[in-house]
C-alpha atoms as a PDB file:
ATOM      1  CA  UNK A   1     151.813  45.319  71.535  1.00  0.00           C
ATOM      2  CA  UNK A   2     151.518  47.464  74.827  1.00  0.00           C
ATOM      3  CA  UNK A   3     148.025  48.164  74.307  1.00  0.00           C
ATOM      4  CA  UNK A   4     147.283  44.627  73.707  1.00  0.00           C
ATOM      5  CA  UNK A   5     148.906  43.648  76.861  1.00  0.00           C
ATOM      6  CA  UNK A   6     147.040  46.312  78.827  1.00  0.00           C
ATOM      7  CA  UNK A   7     143.687  44.910  77.364  1.00  0.00           C
ATOM      8  CA  UNK A   8     144.876  41.162  78.274  1.00  0.00           C
ATOM      9  CA  UNK A   9     145.579  42.224  81.787  1.00  0.00           C
ATOM     10  CA  UNK A  10     142.921  44.540  82.300  1.00  0.00           C
ATOM     11  CA  UNK A  11     140.125  42.946  80.277  1.00  0.00           C
ATOM     12  CA  UNK A  12     137.756  45.132  81.697  1.00  0.00           C
ATOM     13  CA  UNK A  13     139.856  48.113  82.450  1.00  0.00           C
ATOM     14  CA  UNK A  14     137.922  51.069  81.364  1.00  0.00           C
ATOM     15  CA  UNK A  15     138.882  54.589  80.702  1.00  0.00           C
ATOM     16  CA  UNK A  16     137.231  57.134  83.156  1.00  0.00           C
ATOM     17  CA  UNK A  17     134.035  58.603  81.730  1.00  0.00           C
ATOM     18  CA  UNK A  18     134.428  62.027  80.463  1.00  0.00           C
ATOM     19  CA  UNK A  19     131.911  63.322  82.434  1.00  0.00           C
ATOM     20  CA  UNK A  20     133.461  62.260  85.792  1.00  0.00           C
ATOM     21  CA  UNK A  21     135.083  65.024  87.764  1.00  0.00           C
ATOM     22  CA  UNK A  22     137.182  63.706  90.499  1.00  0.00           C
ATOM     23  CA  UNK A  23     139.667  66.374  90.773  1.00  0.00           C
ATOM     24  CA  UNK A  24     138.108  68.076  93.675  1.00  0.00           C
ATOM     25  CA  UNK A  25     137.119  64.908  95.999  1.00  0.00           C
ATOM     26  CA  UNK A  26     137.135  65.552  99.765  1.00  0.00           C
ATOM     27  CA  UNK A  27     136.796  62.581 101.879  1.00  0.00           C
ATOM     28  CA  UNK A  28     136.936  62.193 105.643  1.00  0.00           C
ATOM     29  CA  UNK A  29     138.398  58.501 106.641  1.00  0.00           C
ATOM     30  CA  UNK A  30     137.317  56.688 109.525  1.00  0.00           C
ATOM     31  CA  UNK A  31     140.028  58.586 111.833  1.00  0.00           C
ATOM     32  CA  UNK A  32     138.502  61.853 110.770  1.00  0.00           C
ATOM     33  CA  UNK A  33     141.266  62.778 108.648  1.00  0.00           C
ATOM     34  CA  UNK A  34     140.534  64.731 105.425  1.00  0.00           C
ATOM     35  CA  UNK A  35     141.813  63.200 102.087  1.00  0.00           C
ATOM     36  CA  UNK A  36     142.145  65.030  98.837  1.00  0.00           C
ATOM     37  CA  UNK A  37     143.464  64.147  95.527  1.00  0.00           C
ATOM     38  CA  UNK A  38     145.530  67.095  95.466  1.00  0.00           C
ATOM     39  CA  UNK A  39     147.202  65.775  98.632  1.00  0.00           C
ATOM     40  CA  UNK A  40     148.859  62.936  96.788  1.00  0.00           C
ATOM     41  CA  UNK A  41     150.500  64.781  93.692  1.00  0.00           C
ATOM     42  CA  UNK A  42     153.372  62.456  92.460  1.00  0.00           C
ATOM     43  CA  UNK A  43     151.818  59.190  93.593  1.00  0.00           C
ATOM     44  CA  UNK A  44     149.369  56.736  92.040  1.00  0.00           C
ATOM     45  CA  UNK A  45     146.004  57.192  93.997  1.00  0.00           C
ATOM     46  CA  UNK A  46     143.735  54.016  93.813  1.00  0.00           C
ATOM     47  CA  UNK A  47     140.218  54.235  95.274  1.00  0.00           C
ATOM     48  CA  UNK A  48     138.539  51.017  95.812  1.00  0.00           C
ATOM     49  CA  UNK A  49     134.764  50.719  96.405  1.00  0.00           C
ATOM     50  CA  UNK A  50     133.997  47.535  98.564  1.00  0.00           C
ATOM     51  CA  UNK A  51     131.590  46.164 100.741  1.00  0.00           C
ATOM     52  CA  UNK A  52     131.918  43.773 103.890  1.00  0.00           C
ATOM     53  CA  UNK A  53     129.285  41.249 102.343  1.00  0.00           C
ATOM     54  CA  UNK A  54     131.129  41.160  98.722  1.00  0.00           C
ATOM     55  CA  UNK A  55     133.382  38.056  98.348  1.00  0.00           C
ATOM     56  CA  UNK A  56     135.371  39.567  95.440  1.00  0.00           C
ATOM     57  CA  UNK A  57     135.850  42.777  97.255  1.00  0.00           C
ATOM     58  CA  UNK A  58     137.310  40.752 100.460  1.00  0.00           C
ATOM     59  CA  UNK A  59     139.465  38.467  98.060  1.00  0.00           C
ATOM     60  CA  UNK A  60     141.150  41.665  96.406  1.00  0.00           C
ATOM     61  CA  UNK A  61     141.824  43.362  99.851  1.00  0.00           C
ATOM     62  CA  UNK A  62     145.217  41.564 100.737  1.00  0.00           C
ATOM     63  CA  UNK A  63     146.626  42.762  97.149  1.00  0.00           C
ATOM     64  CA  UNK A  64     145.803  46.004  98.015  1.00  0.00           C
ATOM     65  CA  UNK A  65     147.116  46.093 101.408  1.00  0.00           C
ATOM     66  CA  UNK A  66     150.361  44.554  99.946  1.00  0.00           C
ATOM     67  CA  UNK A  67     150.581  47.260  97.101  1.00  0.00           C
ATOM     68  CA  UNK A  68     149.864  50.075  99.650  1.00  0.00           C
ATOM     69  CA  UNK A  69     152.435  48.919 102.160  1.00  0.00           C
ATOM     70  CA  UNK A  70     155.247  48.083  99.623  1.00  0.00           C
ATOM     71  CA  UNK A  71     155.125  51.075  97.305  1.00  0.00           C
ATOM     72  CA  UNK A  72     155.907  54.701  98.556  1.00  0.00           C
ATOM     73  CA  UNK A  73     154.422  55.826  95.075  1.00  0.00           C
ATOM     74  CA  UNK A  74     150.973  54.579  95.560  1.00  0.00           C
ATOM     75  CA  UNK A  75     148.128  55.376  97.791  1.00  0.00           C
ATOM     76  CA  UNK A  76     145.225  53.372  98.273  1.00  0.00           C
ATOM     77  CA  UNK A  77     141.861  54.508  99.706  1.00  0.00           C
ATOM     78  CA  UNK A  78     139.167  52.035 100.629  1.00  0.00           C
ATOM     79  CA  UNK A  79     135.444  53.291 100.205  1.00  0.00           C
ATOM     80  CA  UNK A  80     133.127  50.943 102.088  1.00  0.00           C
ATOM     81  CA  UNK A  81     129.889  50.959 100.600  1.00  0.00           C
ATOM     82  CA  UNK A  82     126.505  49.529 101.553  1.00  0.00           C
ATOM     83  CA  UNK A  83     126.747  48.903 105.353  1.00  0.00           C
ATOM     84  CA  UNK A  84     124.525  49.444 108.255  1.00  0.00           C
ATOM     85  CA  UNK A  85     127.028  49.753 111.075  1.00  0.00           C
ATOM     86  CA  UNK A  86     130.267  51.516 110.683  1.00  0.00           C
ATOM     87  CA  UNK A  87     131.788  49.375 113.394  1.00  0.00           C
ATOM     88  CA  UNK A  88     131.129  46.203 111.191  1.00  0.00           C
ATOM     89  CA  UNK A  89     133.168  47.816 108.542  1.00  0.00           C
ATOM     90  CA  UNK A  90     136.108  48.641 111.056  1.00  0.00           C
ATOM     91  CA  UNK A  91     136.107  45.058 112.504  1.00  0.00           C
ATOM     92  CA  UNK A  92     136.404  43.720 108.865  1.00  0.00           C
ATOM     93  CA  UNK A  93     139.293  46.162 108.137  1.00  0.00           C
ATOM     94  CA  UNK A  94     140.989  45.159 111.358  1.00  0.00           C
ATOM     95  CA  UNK A  95     140.703  41.284 110.537  1.00  0.00           C
ATOM     96  CA  UNK A  96     141.883  42.163 107.077  1.00  0.00           C
ATOM     97  CA  UNK A  97     144.755  44.114 108.259  1.00  0.00           C
ATOM     98  CA  UNK A  98     143.615  46.847 106.235  1.00  0.00           C
ATOM     99  CA  UNK A  99     146.402  49.554 106.821  1.00  0.00           C
ATOM    100  CA  UNK A 100     145.121  52.182 104.297  1.00  0.00           C
ATOM    101  CA  UNK A 101     142.615  54.862 104.956  1.00  0.00           C
ATOM    102  CA  UNK A 102     138.931  53.769 105.209  1.00  0.00           C
ATOM    103  CA  UNK A 103     136.009  56.051 104.211  1.00  0.00           C
ATOM    104  CA  UNK A 104     132.519  55.403 104.869  1.00  0.00           C
ATOM    105  CA  UNK A 105     130.793  55.779 101.516  1.00  0.00           C
ATOM    106  CA  UNK A 106     127.445  56.526 100.012  1.00  0.00           C
ATOM    107  CA  UNK A 107     126.205  57.714  96.845  1.00  0.00           C
ATOM    108  CA  UNK A 108     127.261  61.278  97.389  1.00  0.00           C
ATOM    109  CA  UNK A 109     130.739  60.202  98.310  1.00  0.00           C
ATOM    110  CA  UNK A 110     130.766  57.970  94.977  1.00  0.00           C
ATOM    111  CA  UNK A 111     129.520  60.911  92.739  1.00  0.00           C
ATOM    112  CA  UNK A 112     132.756  62.594  93.659  1.00  0.00           C
ATOM    113  CA  UNK A 113     134.650  59.744  91.622  1.00  0.00           C
ATOM    114  CA  UNK A 114     132.359  58.388  89.108  1.00  0.00           C
ATOM    115  CA  UNK A 115     129.775  55.583  88.417  1.00  0.00           C
ATOM    116  CA  UNK A 116     129.532  52.603  90.922  1.00  0.00           C
ATOM    117  CA  UNK A 117     127.474  50.117  89.257  1.00  0.00           C
ATOM    118  CA  UNK A 118     128.772  47.137  91.085  1.00  0.00           C
ATOM    119  CA  UNK A 119     131.103  46.032  93.759  1.00  0.00           C
ATOM    120  CA  UNK A 120     134.179  46.053  93.927  1.00  0.00           C
ATOM    121  CA  UNK A 121     134.885  49.070  91.468  1.00  0.00           C
ATOM    122  CA  UNK A 122     138.381  50.562  91.253  1.00  0.00           C
ATOM    123  CA  UNK A 123     139.298  54.076  90.196  1.00  0.00           C
ATOM    124  CA  UNK A 124     143.140  54.783  89.514  1.00  0.00           C
ATOM    125  CA  UNK A 125     144.652  58.158  89.195  1.00  0.00           C
ATOM    126  CA  UNK A 126     147.987  58.983  87.862  1.00  0.00           C
ATOM    127  CA  UNK A 127     150.803  60.753  89.569  1.00  0.00           C
ATOM    128  CA  UNK A 128     149.632  63.963  87.999  1.00  0.00           C
ATOM    129  CA  UNK A 129     146.187  63.857  89.524  1.00  0.00           C
ATOM    130  CA  UNK A 130     144.543  62.769  86.259  1.00  0.00           C
ATOM    131  CA  UNK A 131     141.800  59.809  85.904  1.00  0.00           C
ATOM    132  CA  UNK A 132     144.111  56.964  84.411  1.00  0.00           C
ATOM    133  CA  UNK A 133     141.288  53.879  84.573  1.00  0.00           C
ATOM    134  CA  UNK A 134     138.965  52.119  86.442  1.00  0.00           C
ATOM    135  CA  UNK A 135     137.833  48.599  86.761  1.00  0.00           C
ATOM    136  CA  UNK A 136     134.457  47.011  87.732  1.00  0.00           C
ATOM    137  CA  UNK A 137     135.129  43.625  89.279  1.00  0.00           C
ATOM    138  CA  UNK A 138     138.129  41.797  91.158  1.00  0.00           C
ATOM    139  CA  UNK A 139     141.664  43.596  90.546  1.00  0.00           C
ATOM    140  CA  UNK A 140     144.990  42.098  91.303  1.00  0.00           C
ATOM    141  CA  UNK A 141     148.384  43.704  92.551  1.00  0.00           C
ATOM    142  CA  UNK A 142     150.097  42.174  89.500  1.00  0.00           C
ATOM    143  CA  UNK A 143     147.658  43.614  86.994  1.00  0.00           C
ATOM    144  CA  UNK A 144     147.950  47.141  88.785  1.00  0.00           C
ATOM    145  CA  UNK A 145     151.614  47.129  88.926  1.00  0.00           C
ATOM    146  CA  UNK A 146     151.754  46.101  85.128  1.00  0.00           C
ATOM    147  CA  UNK A 147     149.346  48.954  84.318  1.00  0.00           C
ATOM    148  CA  UNK A 148     151.230  51.446  86.302  1.00  0.00           C
ATOM    149  CA  UNK A 149     154.507  50.497  84.929  1.00  0.00           C
ATOM    150  CA  UNK A 150     153.445  50.449  81.053  1.00  0.00           C
ATOM    151  CA  UNK A 151     151.550  53.713  81.653  1.00  0.00           C
ATOM    152  CA  UNK A 152     154.815  55.141  83.237  1.00  0.00           C
ATOM    153  CA  UNK A 153     156.878  54.068  80.236  1.00  0.00           C
ATOM    154  CA  UNK A 154     154.210  55.408  77.815  1.00  0.00           C
ATOM    155  CA  UNK A 155     152.112  58.309  79.464  1.00  0.00           C
ATOM    156  CA  UNK A 156     150.057  58.494  76.378  1.00  0.00           C
ATOM    157  CA  UNK A 157     148.614  54.950  77.087  1.00  0.00           C
ATOM    158  CA  UNK A 158     146.760  55.993  80.064  1.00  0.00           C
ATOM    159  CA  UNK A 159     145.071  59.123  79.040  1.00  0.00           C
ATOM    160  CA  UNK A 160     141.283  59.231  79.302  1.00  0.00           C
ATOM    161  CA  UNK A 161     139.488  59.323  76.084  1.00  0.00           C
ATOM    162  CA  UNK A 162     142.543  57.527  74.260  1.00  0.00           C
ATOM    163  CA  UNK A 163     141.714  53.933  75.126  1.00  0.00           C
ATOM    164  CA  UNK A 164     140.712  52.217  72.000  1.00  0.00           C
ATOM    165  CA  UNK A 165     138.424  49.940  73.442  1.00  0.00           C
ATOM    166  CA  UNK A 166     135.538  50.745  76.315  1.00  0.00           C
ATOM    167  CA  UNK A 167     133.846  47.879  77.783  1.00  0.00           C
ATOM    168  CA  UNK A 168     131.211  47.665  80.697  1.00  0.00           C
ATOM    169  CA  UNK A 169     130.498  44.646  82.750  1.00  0.00           C
END
């Protein structure tokens, strides 16, 4: 029943590709602060790849801001992709009241996490720092919280490679 619920909630939720290695990612955010996965042990880490020109990206950002601001056990890192001017990204971030760290991304940054075939793409790491899931396309706070709640209740349900279905959009 729990797996079926996860499939319905995250119809395109995917287990992290086995070849992806994100344990050692190092990002520098727009303020110059270094961010690493190991800095956030004990917290869910959500990495969201987005762009200013992407309507679904902009639609999901308020949910990500709300999640980040209301839960002490969740860290959100927004990685802006496909931009021409960093100031444009910062203006969008300000206009959307983004309070979580913003990283100026490129293919090299994305390669530290995994494939980013389209935007938005979201990766989720569990509190132990292990890859939990990723989703290509729009994501909601409700679906994220449901996934985290169910994964916390049954840690085996979120282990990479144990997901019964793997879909690509």
